[in-house]
Every structure is written in structure tokens, then in C-alpha cells.
Amino acid sequence: MRGGARYTAPSFLLQARRRNGKEEERSLARFGFTATKGLGSAVVRNRARRRLKEAVRLRAPDLALEGYDYVLIAREGTVQRRFADLIKDLERALAKVHEPTPAKKR
């Protein structure tokens, strides 16, 4: 997802971008989950995706903005980190990607 905001947490990378399109399609936030082979075996990758999906299920309805697409890319910390810390990472990441970026100085 190019051109969007990014936030790197200890357990994942979050990318967010506002969708352009019809009003009906823009209403809900959409999430994608990625775990590359570099993370480990299929068992490890599936566990990482399941943990990310559960964290999103619990916290995203309150924090995600309508009309946005989000992609969470699993990192080693996704499986190793305590689940409570994973949720805190998600909360912080969703807040940070929606903060206004300061103007660049020349």
C-alpha cells in the first residue's frame, strides 16, 4: 500500500491509506494481514495472523476510521509478545497513523 501513513510497532508494521471511491464503498474500514515466509514456518505465520486478527477484532471498531484501508504486516514480536502488549501496540499505531504530519521545513 503505497502513499499511505506507516507506523512501526515492536510486533507489526501498520500501513493506512484513505480510500477513494464511491460513498457506499468508503463506509467501513478494511483490514489486510500479511506474514511473510521470513517470519517462520506456516504454523508460526498462521499464529501471527490469528493474533493480529483477534487484536483488530477487539479494538478496531473503536479506533479505526471509516473509509480507510489498513494492512498489518507481522514481525517476530507478533508471536512472542504478550497479547495485552500487542493490543497496546495496535491502539498506539492506529492513533499515530491518523495524526497530522508536520509541514516539512526547507
PDB file of N, CA and C in Angstrom:
ATOM      1  N   MET A   1       0.850  -1.156   0.000  1.00  0.00           N
ATOM      2  CA  MET A   1       0.000   0.000   0.000  1.00  0.00           C
ATOM      3  C   MET A   1       0.900   1.225   0.000  1.00  0.00           C
ATOM      4  N   ARG A   2       1.070   1.810  -1.120  1.00  0.00           N
ATOM      5  CA  ARG A   2       1.961   2.957  -1.250  1.00  0.00           C
ATOM      6  C   ARG A   2       1.198   4.264  -1.044  1.00  0.00           C
ATOM      7  N   GLY A   3       1.928   5.249  -0.555  1.00  0.00           N
ATOM      8  CA  GLY A   3       1.346   6.569  -0.415  1.00  0.00           C
ATOM      9  C   GLY A   3       0.548   6.776   0.856  1.00  0.00           C
ATOM     10  N   GLY A   4       0.566   5.820   1.750  1.00  0.00           N
ATOM     11  CA  GLY A   4      -0.193   5.951   2.989  1.00  0.00           C
ATOM     12  C   GLY A   4       0.721   6.199   4.176  1.00  0.00           C
ATOM     13  N   ALA A   5       0.097   6.337   5.332  1.00  0.00           N
ATOM     14  CA  ALA A   5       0.845   6.524   6.567  1.00  0.00           C
ATOM     15  C   ALA A   5       1.331   5.170   7.069  1.00  0.00           C
ATOM     16  N   ARG A   6       2.468   5.189   7.773  1.00  0.00           N
ATOM     17  CA  ARG A   6       3.047   3.952   8.296  1.00  0.00           C
ATOM     18  C   ARG A   6       3.416   4.152   9.753  1.00  0.00           C
ATOM     19  N   TYR A   7       3.333   3.072  10.502  1.00  0.00           N
ATOM     20  CA  TYR A   7       3.804   3.093  11.885  1.00  0.00           C
ATOM     21  C   TYR A   7       4.414   1.728  12.172  1.00  0.00           C
ATOM     22  N   THR A   8       5.629   1.745  12.698  1.00  0.00           N
ATOM     23  CA  THR A   8       6.307   0.504  13.032  1.00  0.00           C
ATOM     24  C   THR A   8       6.232   0.295  14.536  1.00  0.00           C
ATOM     25  N   ALA A   9       5.582  -0.770  14.918  1.00  0.00           N
ATOM     26  CA  ALA A   9       5.472  -1.164  16.322  1.00  0.00           C
ATOM     27  C   ALA A   9       6.411  -2.348  16.552  1.00  0.00           C
ATOM     28  N   PRO A  10       6.701  -2.687  17.809  1.00  0.00           N
ATOM     29  CA  PRO A  10       7.577  -3.835  18.068  1.00  0.00           C
ATOM     30  C   PRO A  10       7.024  -5.150  17.515  1.00  0.00           C
ATOM     31  N   SER A  11       5.718  -5.238  17.361  1.00  0.00           N
ATOM     32  CA  SER A  11       5.125  -6.511  16.959  1.00  0.00           C
ATOM     33  C   SER A  11       4.603  -6.535  15.524  1.00  0.00           C
ATOM     34  N   PHE A  12       4.483  -5.397  14.866  1.00  0.00           N
ATOM     35  CA  PHE A  12       3.980  -5.376  13.488  1.00  0.00           C
ATOM     36  C   PHE A  12       4.254  -4.020  12.854  1.00  0.00           C
ATOM     37  N   LEU A  13       4.011  -3.951  11.561  1.00  0.00           N
ATOM     38  CA  LEU A  13       4.061  -2.700  10.818  1.00  0.00           C
ATOM     39  C   LEU A  13       2.639  -2.420  10.356  1.00  0.00           C
ATOM     40  N   LEU A  14       2.148  -1.205  10.607  1.00  0.00           N
ATOM     41  CA  LEU A  14       0.805  -0.829  10.183  1.00  0.00           C
ATOM     42  C   LEU A  14       0.908   0.205   9.077  1.00  0.00           C
ATOM     43  N   GLN A  15       0.201  -0.047   7.996  1.00  0.00           N
ATOM     44  CA  GLN A  15       0.089   0.911   6.901  1.00  0.00           C
ATOM     45  C   GLN A  15      -1.382   1.282   6.774  1.00  0.00           C
ATOM     46  N   ALA A  16      -1.643   2.573   6.553  1.00  0.00           N
ATOM     47  CA  ALA A  16      -3.025   3.039   6.436  1.00  0.00           C
ATOM     48  C   ALA A  16      -3.127   4.033   5.283  1.00  0.00           C
ATOM     49  N   ARG A  17      -4.210   3.930   4.530  1.00  0.00           N
ATOM     50  CA  ARG A  17      -4.442   4.869   3.429  1.00  0.00           C
ATOM     51  C   ARG A  17      -5.938   5.069   3.251  1.00  0.00           C
ATOM     52  N   ARG A  18      -6.316   6.313   3.025  1.00  0.00           N
ATOM     53  CA  ARG A  18      -7.719   6.642   2.778  1.00  0.00           C
ATOM     54  C   ARG A  18      -8.099   6.138   1.395  1.00  0.00           C
ATOM     55  N   ARG A  19      -9.292   5.532   1.313  1.00  0.00           N
ATOM     56  CA  ARG A  19      -9.788   5.035   0.035  1.00  0.00           C
ATOM     57  C   ARG A  19     -10.462   6.154  -0.733  1.00  0.00           C
ATOM     58  N   ASN A  20     -10.302   6.104  -2.027  1.00  0.00           N
ATOM     59  CA  ASN A  20     -11.058   6.985  -2.916  1.00  0.00           C
ATOM     60  C   ASN A  20     -12.035   6.108  -3.657  1.00  0.00           C
ATOM     61  N   GLY A  21     -13.257   6.516  -3.720  1.00  0.00           N
ATOM     62  CA  GLY A  21     -14.238   5.688  -4.408  1.00  0.00           C
ATOM     63  C   GLY A  21     -15.641   6.135  -4.088  1.00  0.00           C
ATOM     64  N   LYS A  22     -16.562   5.293  -4.407  1.00  0.00           N
ATOM     65  CA  LYS A  22     -17.960   5.595  -4.180  1.00  0.00           C
ATOM     66  C   LYS A  22     -18.246   5.659  -2.679  1.00  0.00           C
ATOM     67  N   GLU A  23     -19.240   6.450  -2.326  1.00  0.00           N
ATOM     68  CA  GLU A  23     -19.592   6.623  -0.921  1.00  0.00           C
ATOM     69  C   GLU A  23     -19.953   5.308  -0.239  1.00  0.00           C
ATOM     70  N   GLU A  24     -20.668   4.426  -0.946  1.00  0.00           N
ATOM     71  CA  GLU A  24     -21.075   3.163  -0.343  1.00  0.00           C
ATOM     72  C   GLU A  24     -19.859   2.322   0.040  1.00  0.00           C
ATOM     73  N   GLU A  25     -18.833   2.360  -0.775  1.00  0.00           N
ATOM     74  CA  GLU A  25     -17.636   1.551  -0.539  1.00  0.00           C
ATOM     75  C   GLU A  25     -16.747   2.147   0.542  1.00  0.00           C
ATOM     76  N   ARG A  26     -16.885   3.439   0.793  1.00  0.00           N
ATOM     77  CA  ARG A  26     -15.984   4.106   1.722  1.00  0.00           C
ATOM     78  C   ARG A  26     -16.424   3.984   3.169  1.00  0.00           C
ATOM     79  N   SER A  27     -17.576   3.421   3.421  1.00  0.00           N
ATOM     80  CA  SER A  27     -18.131   3.493   4.768  1.00  0.00           C
ATOM     81  C   SER A  27     -17.339   2.696   5.813  1.00  0.00           C
ATOM     82  N   LEU A  28     -16.894   1.512   5.515  1.00  0.00           N
ATOM     83  CA  LEU A  28     -16.237   0.681   6.512  1.00  0.00           C
ATOM     84  C   LEU A  28     -14.724   0.696   6.363  1.00  0.00           C
ATOM     85  N   ALA A  29     -14.050   0.511   7.490  1.00  0.00           N
ATOM     86  CA  ALA A  29     -12.601   0.321   7.452  1.00  0.00           C
ATOM     87  C   ALA A  29     -12.330  -1.119   7.048  1.00  0.00           C
ATOM     88  N   ARG A  30     -11.307  -1.321   6.220  1.00  0.00           N
ATOM     89  CA  ARG A  30     -10.949  -2.676   5.787  1.00  0.00           C
ATOM     90  C   ARG A  30      -9.539  -2.978   6.271  1.00  0.00           C
ATOM     91  N   PHE A  31      -9.306  -4.249   6.605  1.00  0.00           N
ATOM     92  CA  PHE A  31      -8.013  -4.669   7.121  1.00  0.00           C
ATOM     93  C   PHE A  31      -7.460  -5.821   6.301  1.00  0.00           C
ATOM     94  N   GLY A  32      -6.145  -5.791   6.081  1.00  0.00           N
ATOM     95  CA  GLY A  32      -5.432  -6.889   5.447  1.00  0.00           C
ATOM     96  C   GLY A  32      -4.308  -7.324   6.377  1.00  0.00           C
ATOM     97  N   PHE A  33      -3.945  -8.594   6.308  1.00  0.00           N
ATOM     98  CA  PHE A  33      -2.938  -9.155   7.198  1.00  0.00           C
ATOM     99  C   PHE A  33      -1.901  -9.902   6.378  1.00  0.00           C
ATOM    100  N   THR A  34      -0.627  -9.670   6.698  1.00  0.00           N
ATOM    101  CA  THR A  34       0.455 -10.298   5.951  1.00  0.00           C
ATOM    102  C   THR A  34       1.480 -10.870   6.921  1.00  0.00           C
ATOM    103  N   ALA A  35       1.925 -12.072   6.616  1.00  0.00           N
ATOM    104  CA  ALA A  35       3.029 -12.690   7.358  1.00  0.00           C
ATOM    105  C   ALA A  35       3.902 -13.388   6.319  1.00  0.00           C
ATOM    106  N   THR A  36       5.099 -12.879   6.116  1.00  0.00           N
ATOM    107  CA  THR A  36       5.968 -13.412   5.073  1.00  0.00           C
ATOM    108  C   THR A  36       6.681 -14.672   5.546  1.00  0.00           C
ATOM    109  N   LYS A  37       7.247 -15.407   4.613  1.00  0.00           N
ATOM    110  CA  LYS A  37       7.949 -16.652   4.931  1.00  0.00           C
ATOM    111  C   LYS A  37       9.171 -16.419   5.815  1.00  0.00           C
ATOM    112  N   GLY A  38       9.701 -15.208   5.789  1.00  0.00           N
ATOM    113  CA  GLY A  38      10.839 -14.888   6.638  1.00  0.00           C
ATOM    114  C   GLY A  38      10.496 -14.948   8.116  1.00  0.00           C
ATOM    115  N   LEU A  39       9.225 -14.911   8.428  1.00  0.00           N
ATOM    116  CA  LEU A  39       8.769 -14.967   9.815  1.00  0.00           C
ATOM    117  C   LEU A  39       8.934 -16.365  10.399  1.00  0.00           C
ATOM    118  N   GLY A  40       8.788 -17.376   9.557  1.00  0.00           N
ATOM    119  CA  GLY A  40       8.943 -18.742  10.045  1.00  0.00           C
ATOM    120  C   GLY A  40       8.078 -19.713   9.267  1.00  0.00           C
ATOM    121  N   SER A  41       7.796 -20.845   9.889  1.00  0.00           N
ATOM    122  CA  SER A  41       7.005 -21.892   9.243  1.00  0.00           C
ATOM    123  C   SER A  41       5.550 -21.451   9.096  1.00  0.00           C
ATOM    124  N   ALA A  42       4.774 -22.256   8.398  1.00  0.00           N
ATOM    125  CA  ALA A  42       3.364 -21.946   8.191  1.00  0.00           C
ATOM    126  C   ALA A  42       2.624 -21.856   9.520  1.00  0.00           C
ATOM    127  N   VAL A  43       2.997 -22.677  10.469  1.00  0.00           N
ATOM    128  CA  VAL A  43       2.360 -22.649  11.785  1.00  0.00           C
ATOM    129  C   VAL A  43       2.594 -21.301  12.457  1.00  0.00           C
ATOM    130  N   VAL A  44       3.814 -20.803  12.409  1.00  0.00           N
ATOM    131  CA  VAL A  44       4.163 -19.516  13.025  1.00  0.00           C
ATOM    132  C   VAL A  44       3.452 -18.383  12.296  1.00  0.00           C
ATOM    133  N   ARG A  45       3.447 -18.416  10.970  1.00  0.00           N
ATOM    134  CA  ARG A  45       2.790 -17.359  10.195  1.00  0.00           C
ATOM    135  C   ARG A  45       1.295 -17.327  10.471  1.00  0.00           C
ATOM    136  N   ASN A  46       0.664 -18.485  10.538  1.00  0.00           N
ATOM    137  CA  ASN A  46      -0.773 -18.535  10.824  1.00  0.00           C
ATOM    138  C   ASN A  46      -1.077 -18.042  12.232  1.00  0.00           C
ATOM    139  N   ARG A  47      -0.235 -18.395  13.195  1.00  0.00           N
ATOM    140  CA  ARG A  47      -0.433 -17.917  14.565  1.00  0.00           C
ATOM    141  C   ARG A  47      -0.313 -16.400  14.610  1.00  0.00           C
ATOM    142  N   ALA A  48       0.661 -15.841  13.893  1.00  0.00           N
ATOM    143  CA  ALA A  48       0.841 -14.390  13.860  1.00  0.00           C
ATOM    144  C   ALA A  48      -0.393 -13.710  13.265  1.00  0.00           C
ATOM    145  N   ARG A  49      -0.901 -14.230  12.161  1.00  0.00           N
ATOM    146  CA  ARG A  49      -2.101 -13.645  11.540  1.00  0.00           C
ATOM    147  C   ARG A  49      -3.311 -13.753  12.466  1.00  0.00           C
ATOM    148  N   ARG A  50      -3.479 -14.882  13.111  1.00  0.00           N
ATOM    149  CA  ARG A  50      -4.617 -15.059  14.031  1.00  0.00           C
ATOM    150  C   ARG A  50      -4.549 -14.070  15.189  1.00  0.00           C
ATOM    151  N   ARG A  51      -3.353 -13.857  15.726  1.00  0.00           N
ATOM    152  CA  ARG A  51      -3.207 -12.902  16.835  1.00  0.00           C
ATOM    153  C   ARG A  51      -3.523 -11.486  16.376  1.00  0.00           C
ATOM    154  N   LEU A  52      -3.049 -11.123  15.180  1.00  0.00           N
ATOM    155  CA  LEU A  52      -3.348  -9.786  14.656  1.00  0.00           C
ATOM    156  C   LEU A  52      -4.846  -9.621  14.402  1.00  0.00           C
ATOM    157  N   LYS A  53      -5.465 -10.640  13.828  1.00  0.00           N
ATOM    158  CA  LYS A  53      -6.905 -10.562  13.542  1.00  0.00           C
ATOM    159  C   LYS A  53      -7.713 -10.413  14.827  1.00  0.00           C
ATOM    160  N   GLU A  54      -7.331 -11.122  15.872  1.00  0.00           N
ATOM    161  CA  GLU A  54      -8.065 -11.023  17.133  1.00  0.00           C
ATOM    162  C   GLU A  54      -7.882  -9.646  17.760  1.00  0.00           C
ATOM    163  N   ALA A  55      -6.687  -9.102  17.699  1.00  0.00           N
ATOM    164  CA  ALA A  55      -6.452  -7.756  18.236  1.00  0.00           C
ATOM    165  C   ALA A  55      -7.289  -6.731  17.475  1.00  0.00           C
ATOM    166  N   VAL A  56      -7.352  -6.868  16.158  1.00  0.00           N
ATOM    167  CA  VAL A  56      -8.169  -5.952  15.349  1.00  0.00           C
ATOM    168  C   VAL A  56      -9.640  -6.130  15.680  1.00  0.00           C
ATOM    169  N   ARG A  57     -10.084  -7.362  15.842  1.00  0.00           N
ATOM    170  CA  ARG A  57     -11.496  -7.615  16.168  1.00  0.00           C
ATOM    171  C   ARG A  57     -11.889  -6.930  17.475  1.00  0.00           C
ATOM    172  N   LEU A  58     -10.963  -6.934  18.451  1.00  0.00           N
ATOM    173  CA  LEU A  58     -11.266  -6.371  19.756  1.00  0.00           C
ATOM    174  C   LEU A  58     -11.199  -4.846  19.786  1.00  0.00           C
ATOM    175  N   ARG A  59     -10.242  -4.245  19.099  1.00  0.00           N
ATOM    176  CA  ARG A  59     -10.003  -2.810  19.258  1.00  0.00           C
ATOM    177  C   ARG A  59     -10.330  -1.937  18.053  1.00  0.00           C
ATOM    178  N   ALA A  60     -10.317  -2.474  16.858  1.00  0.00           N
ATOM    179  CA  ALA A  60     -10.507  -1.641  15.666  1.00  0.00           C
ATOM    180  C   ALA A  60     -11.874  -0.981  15.569  1.00  0.00           C
ATOM    181  N   PRO A  61     -12.964  -1.613  16.000  1.00  0.00           N
ATOM    182  CA  PRO A  61     -14.255  -0.922  15.870  1.00  0.00           C
ATOM    183  C   PRO A  61     -14.276   0.440  16.559  1.00  0.00           C
ATOM    184  N   ASP A  62     -13.502   0.597  17.623  1.00  0.00           N
ATOM    185  CA  ASP A  62     -13.464   1.868  18.338  1.00  0.00           C
ATOM    186  C   ASP A  62     -12.441   2.846  17.773  1.00  0.00           C
ATOM    187  N   LEU A  63     -11.393   2.347  17.126  1.00  0.00           N
ATOM    188  CA  LEU A  63     -10.259   3.198  16.770  1.00  0.00           C
ATOM    189  C   LEU A  63     -10.055   3.421  15.277  1.00  0.00           C
ATOM    190  N   ALA A  64     -10.488   2.499  14.445  1.00  0.00           N
ATOM    191  CA  ALA A  64     -10.266   2.624  13.003  1.00  0.00           C
ATOM    192  C   ALA A  64     -11.240   3.641  12.420  1.00  0.00           C
ATOM    193  N   LEU A  65     -10.782   4.382  11.439  1.00  0.00           N
ATOM    194  CA  LEU A  65     -11.622   5.393  10.795  1.00  0.00           C
ATOM    195  C   LEU A  65     -12.306   4.816   9.563  1.00  0.00           C
ATOM    196  N   GLU A  66     -13.524   5.264   9.331  1.00  0.00           N
ATOM    197  CA  GLU A  66     -14.270   4.813   8.150  1.00  0.00           C
ATOM    198  C   GLU A  66     -13.565   5.306   6.895  1.00  0.00           C
ATOM    199  N   GLY A  67     -13.651   4.500   5.846  1.00  0.00           N
ATOM    200  CA  GLY A  67     -13.072   4.887   4.568  1.00  0.00           C
ATOM    201  C   GLY A  67     -11.582   4.668   4.455  1.00  0.00           C
ATOM    202  N   TYR A  68     -11.002   3.934   5.374  1.00  0.00           N
ATOM    203  CA  TYR A  68      -9.562   3.665   5.344  1.00  0.00           C
ATOM    204  C   TYR A  68      -9.308   2.190   5.089  1.00  0.00           C
ATOM    205  N   ASP A  69      -8.185   1.918   4.441  1.00  0.00           N
ATOM    206  CA  ASP A  69      -7.664   0.563   4.296  1.00  0.00           C
ATOM    207  C   ASP A  69      -6.433   0.455   5.184  1.00  0.00           C
ATOM    208  N   TYR A  70      -6.336  -0.622   5.916  1.00  0.00           N
ATOM    209  CA  TYR A  70      -5.212  -0.868   6.810  1.00  0.00           C
ATOM    210  C   TYR A  70      -4.577  -2.201   6.442  1.00  0.00           C
ATOM    211  N   VAL A  71      -3.249  -2.251   6.522  1.00  0.00           N
ATOM    212  CA  VAL A  71      -2.523  -3.502   6.333  1.00  0.00           C
ATOM    213  C   VAL A  71      -1.592  -3.668   7.525  1.00  0.00           C
ATOM    214  N   LEU A  72      -1.684  -4.816   8.169  1.00  0.00           N
ATOM    215  CA  LEU A  72      -0.791  -5.152   9.273  1.00  0.00           C
ATOM    216  C   LEU A  72       0.171  -6.226   8.798  1.00  0.00           C
ATOM    217  N   ILE A  73       1.443  -5.935   8.912  1.00  0.00           N
ATOM    218  CA  ILE A  73       2.487  -6.866   8.488  1.00  0.00           C
ATOM    219  C   ILE A  73       3.155  -7.407   9.744  1.00  0.00           C
ATOM    220  N   ALA A  74       3.055  -8.712   9.929  1.00  0.00           N
ATOM    221  CA  ALA A  74       3.570  -9.359  11.135  1.00  0.00           C
ATOM    222  C   ALA A  74       5.092  -9.292  11.185  1.00  0.00           C
ATOM    223  N   ARG A  75       5.612  -9.149  12.394  1.00  0.00           N
ATOM    224  CA  ARG A  75       7.037  -9.199  12.658  1.00  0.00           C
ATOM    225  C   ARG A  75       7.262 -10.275  13.714  1.00  0.00           C
ATOM    226  N   GLU A  76       8.516 -10.523  14.058  1.00  0.00           N
ATOM    227  CA  GLU A  76       8.819 -11.569  15.047  1.00  0.00           C
ATOM    228  C   GLU A  76       8.072 -11.356  16.353  1.00  0.00           C
ATOM    229  N   GLY A  77       7.928 -10.100  16.752  1.00  0.00           N
ATOM    230  CA  GLY A  77       7.262  -9.793  18.004  1.00  0.00           C
ATOM    231  C   GLY A  77       5.788 -10.141  18.021  1.00  0.00           C
ATOM    232  N   THR A  78       5.185 -10.355  16.870  1.00  0.00           N
ATOM    233  CA  THR A  78       3.759 -10.666  16.809  1.00  0.00           C
ATOM    234  C   THR A  78       3.451 -11.942  17.578  1.00  0.00           C
ATOM    235  N   VAL A  79       4.282 -12.937  17.447  1.00  0.00           N
ATOM    236  CA  VAL A  79       4.054 -14.219  18.114  1.00  0.00           C
ATOM    237  C   VAL A  79       4.634 -14.215  19.523  1.00  0.00           C
ATOM    238  N   GLN A  80       5.743 -13.537  19.732  1.00  0.00           N
ATOM    239  CA  GLN A  80       6.443 -13.594  21.005  1.00  0.00           C
ATOM    240  C   GLN A  80       5.889 -12.628  22.046  1.00  0.00           C
ATOM    241  N   ARG A  81       5.296 -11.554  21.632  1.00  0.00           N
ATOM    242  CA  ARG A  81       4.834 -10.502  22.536  1.00  0.00           C
ATOM    243  C   ARG A  81       3.564 -10.932  23.281  1.00  0.00           C
ATOM    244  N   ARG A  82       3.424 -10.487  24.524  1.00  0.00           N
ATOM    245  CA  ARG A  82       2.190 -10.755  25.262  1.00  0.00           C
ATOM    246  C   ARG A  82       1.022 -10.133  24.518  1.00  0.00           C
ATOM    247  N   PHE A  83      -0.149 -10.770  24.585  1.00  0.00           N
ATOM    248  CA  PHE A  83      -1.301 -10.297  23.819  1.00  0.00           C
ATOM    249  C   PHE A  83      -1.759  -8.913  24.283  1.00  0.00           C
ATOM    250  N   ALA A  84      -1.677  -8.634  25.572  1.00  0.00           N
ATOM    251  CA  ALA A  84      -2.050  -7.309  26.080  1.00  0.00           C
ATOM    252  C   ALA A  84      -1.148  -6.227  25.481  1.00  0.00           C
ATOM    253  N   ASP A  85       0.143  -6.537  25.334  1.00  0.00           N
ATOM    254  CA  ASP A  85       1.070  -5.578  24.718  1.00  0.00           C
ATOM    255  C   ASP A  85       0.804  -5.433  23.222  1.00  0.00           C
ATOM    256  N   LEU A  86       0.397  -6.519  22.579  1.00  0.00           N
ATOM    257  CA  LEU A  86       0.046  -6.464  21.160  1.00  0.00           C
ATOM    258  C   LEU A  86      -1.140  -5.524  20.949  1.00  0.00           C
ATOM    259  N   ILE A  87      -2.119  -5.600  21.825  1.00  0.00           N
ATOM    260  CA  ILE A  87      -3.281  -4.711  21.722  1.00  0.00           C
ATOM    261  C   ILE A  87      -2.869  -3.253  21.954  1.00  0.00           C
ATOM    262  N   LYS A  88      -1.990  -3.018  22.923  1.00  0.00           N
ATOM    263  CA  LYS A  88      -1.499  -1.659  23.159  1.00  0.00           C
ATOM    264  C   LYS A  88      -0.749  -1.134  21.936  1.00  0.00           C
ATOM    265  N   ASP A  89       0.040  -2.005  21.303  1.00  0.00           N
ATOM    266  CA  ASP A  89       0.736  -1.612  20.074  1.00  0.00           C
ATOM    267  C   ASP A  89      -0.261  -1.200  18.995  1.00  0.00           C
ATOM    268  N   LEU A  90      -1.341  -1.964  18.856  1.00  0.00           N
ATOM    269  CA  LEU A  90      -2.354  -1.655  17.854  1.00  0.00           C
ATOM    270  C   LEU A  90      -3.039  -0.326  18.160  1.00  0.00           C
ATOM    271  N   GLU A  91      -3.383  -0.102  19.408  1.00  0.00           N
ATOM    272  CA  GLU A  91      -4.023   1.156  19.786  1.00  0.00           C
ATOM    273  C   GLU A  91      -3.119   2.341  19.475  1.00  0.00           C
ATOM    274  N   ARG A  92      -1.847   2.226  19.835  1.00  0.00           N
ATOM    275  CA  ARG A  92      -0.880   3.302  19.581  1.00  0.00           C
ATOM    276  C   ARG A  92      -0.691   3.512  18.082  1.00  0.00           C
ATOM    277  N   ALA A  93      -0.598   2.428  17.338  1.00  0.00           N
ATOM    278  CA  ALA A  93      -0.367   2.525  15.895  1.00  0.00           C
ATOM    279  C   ALA A  93      -1.550   3.187  15.195  1.00  0.00           C
ATOM    280  N   LEU A  94      -2.767   2.806  15.548  1.00  0.00           N
ATOM    281  CA  LEU A  94      -3.942   3.412  14.913  1.00  0.00           C
ATOM    282  C   LEU A  94      -4.035   4.897  15.243  1.00  0.00           C
ATOM    283  N   ALA A  95      -3.634   5.298  16.438  1.00  0.00           N
ATOM    284  CA  ALA A  95      -3.633   6.717  16.788  1.00  0.00           C
ATOM    285  C   ALA A  95      -2.561   7.466  15.999  1.00  0.00           C
ATOM    286  N   LYS A  96      -1.383   6.874  15.891  1.00  0.00           N
ATOM    287  CA  LYS A  96      -0.256   7.556  15.236  1.00  0.00           C
ATOM    288  C   LYS A  96      -0.452   7.739  13.732  1.00  0.00           C
ATOM    289  N   VAL A  97      -1.031   6.757  13.054  1.00  0.00           N
ATOM    290  CA  VAL A  97      -1.164   6.898  11.597  1.00  0.00           C
ATOM    291  C   VAL A  97      -2.186   7.956  11.219  1.00  0.00           C
ATOM    292  N   HIS A  98      -3.029   8.360  12.180  1.00  0.00           N
ATOM    293  CA  HIS A  98      -4.025   9.386  11.880  1.00  0.00           C
ATOM    294  C   HIS A  98      -3.652  10.758  12.413  1.00  0.00           C
ATOM    295  N   GLU A  99      -2.481  10.875  13.028  1.00  0.00           N
ATOM    296  CA  GLU A  99      -2.011  12.188  13.471  1.00  0.00           C
ATOM    297  C   GLU A  99      -1.612  13.005  12.261  1.00  0.00           C
ATOM    298  N   PRO A 100      -1.891  14.305  12.272  1.00  0.00           N
ATOM    299  CA  PRO A 100      -1.444  15.132  11.152  1.00  0.00           C
ATOM    300  C   PRO A 100       0.078  15.207  11.127  1.00  0.00           C
ATOM    301  N   THR A 101       0.624  15.140   9.940  1.00  0.00           N
ATOM    302  CA  THR A 101       2.083  15.211   9.807  1.00  0.00           C
ATOM    303  C   THR A 101       2.515  16.674   9.784  1.00  0.00           C
ATOM    304  N   PRO A 102       3.590  16.997  10.492  1.00  0.00           N
ATOM    305  CA  PRO A 102       4.056  18.385  10.483  1.00  0.00           C
ATOM    306  C   PRO A 102       4.600  18.765   9.106  1.00  0.00           C
ATOM    307  N   ALA A 103       4.490  20.028   8.771  1.00  0.00           N
ATOM    308  CA  ALA A 103       4.990  20.511   7.481  1.00  0.00           C
ATOM    309  C   ALA A 103       6.519  20.410   7.470  1.00  0.00           C
ATOM    310  N   LYS A 104       7.049  20.030   6.325  1.00  0.00           N
ATOM    311  CA  LYS A 104       8.493  19.894   6.180  1.00  0.00           C
ATOM    312  C   LYS A 104       9.109  21.286   6.039  1.00  0.00           C
ATOM    313  N   LYS A 105      10.232  21.495   6.729  1.00  0.00           N
ATOM    314  CA  LYS A 105      10.941  22.769   6.638  1.00  0.00           C
ATOM    315  C   LYS A 105      11.919  22.714   5.477  1.00  0.00           C
ATOM    316  N   ARG A 106      12.080  23.825   4.837  1.00  0.00           N
ATOM    317  CA  ARG A 106      13.026  23.888   3.719  1.00  0.00           C
ATOM    318  C   ARG A 106      14.249  24.658   4.106  1.00  0.00           C
TER     319      ARG A 106
END
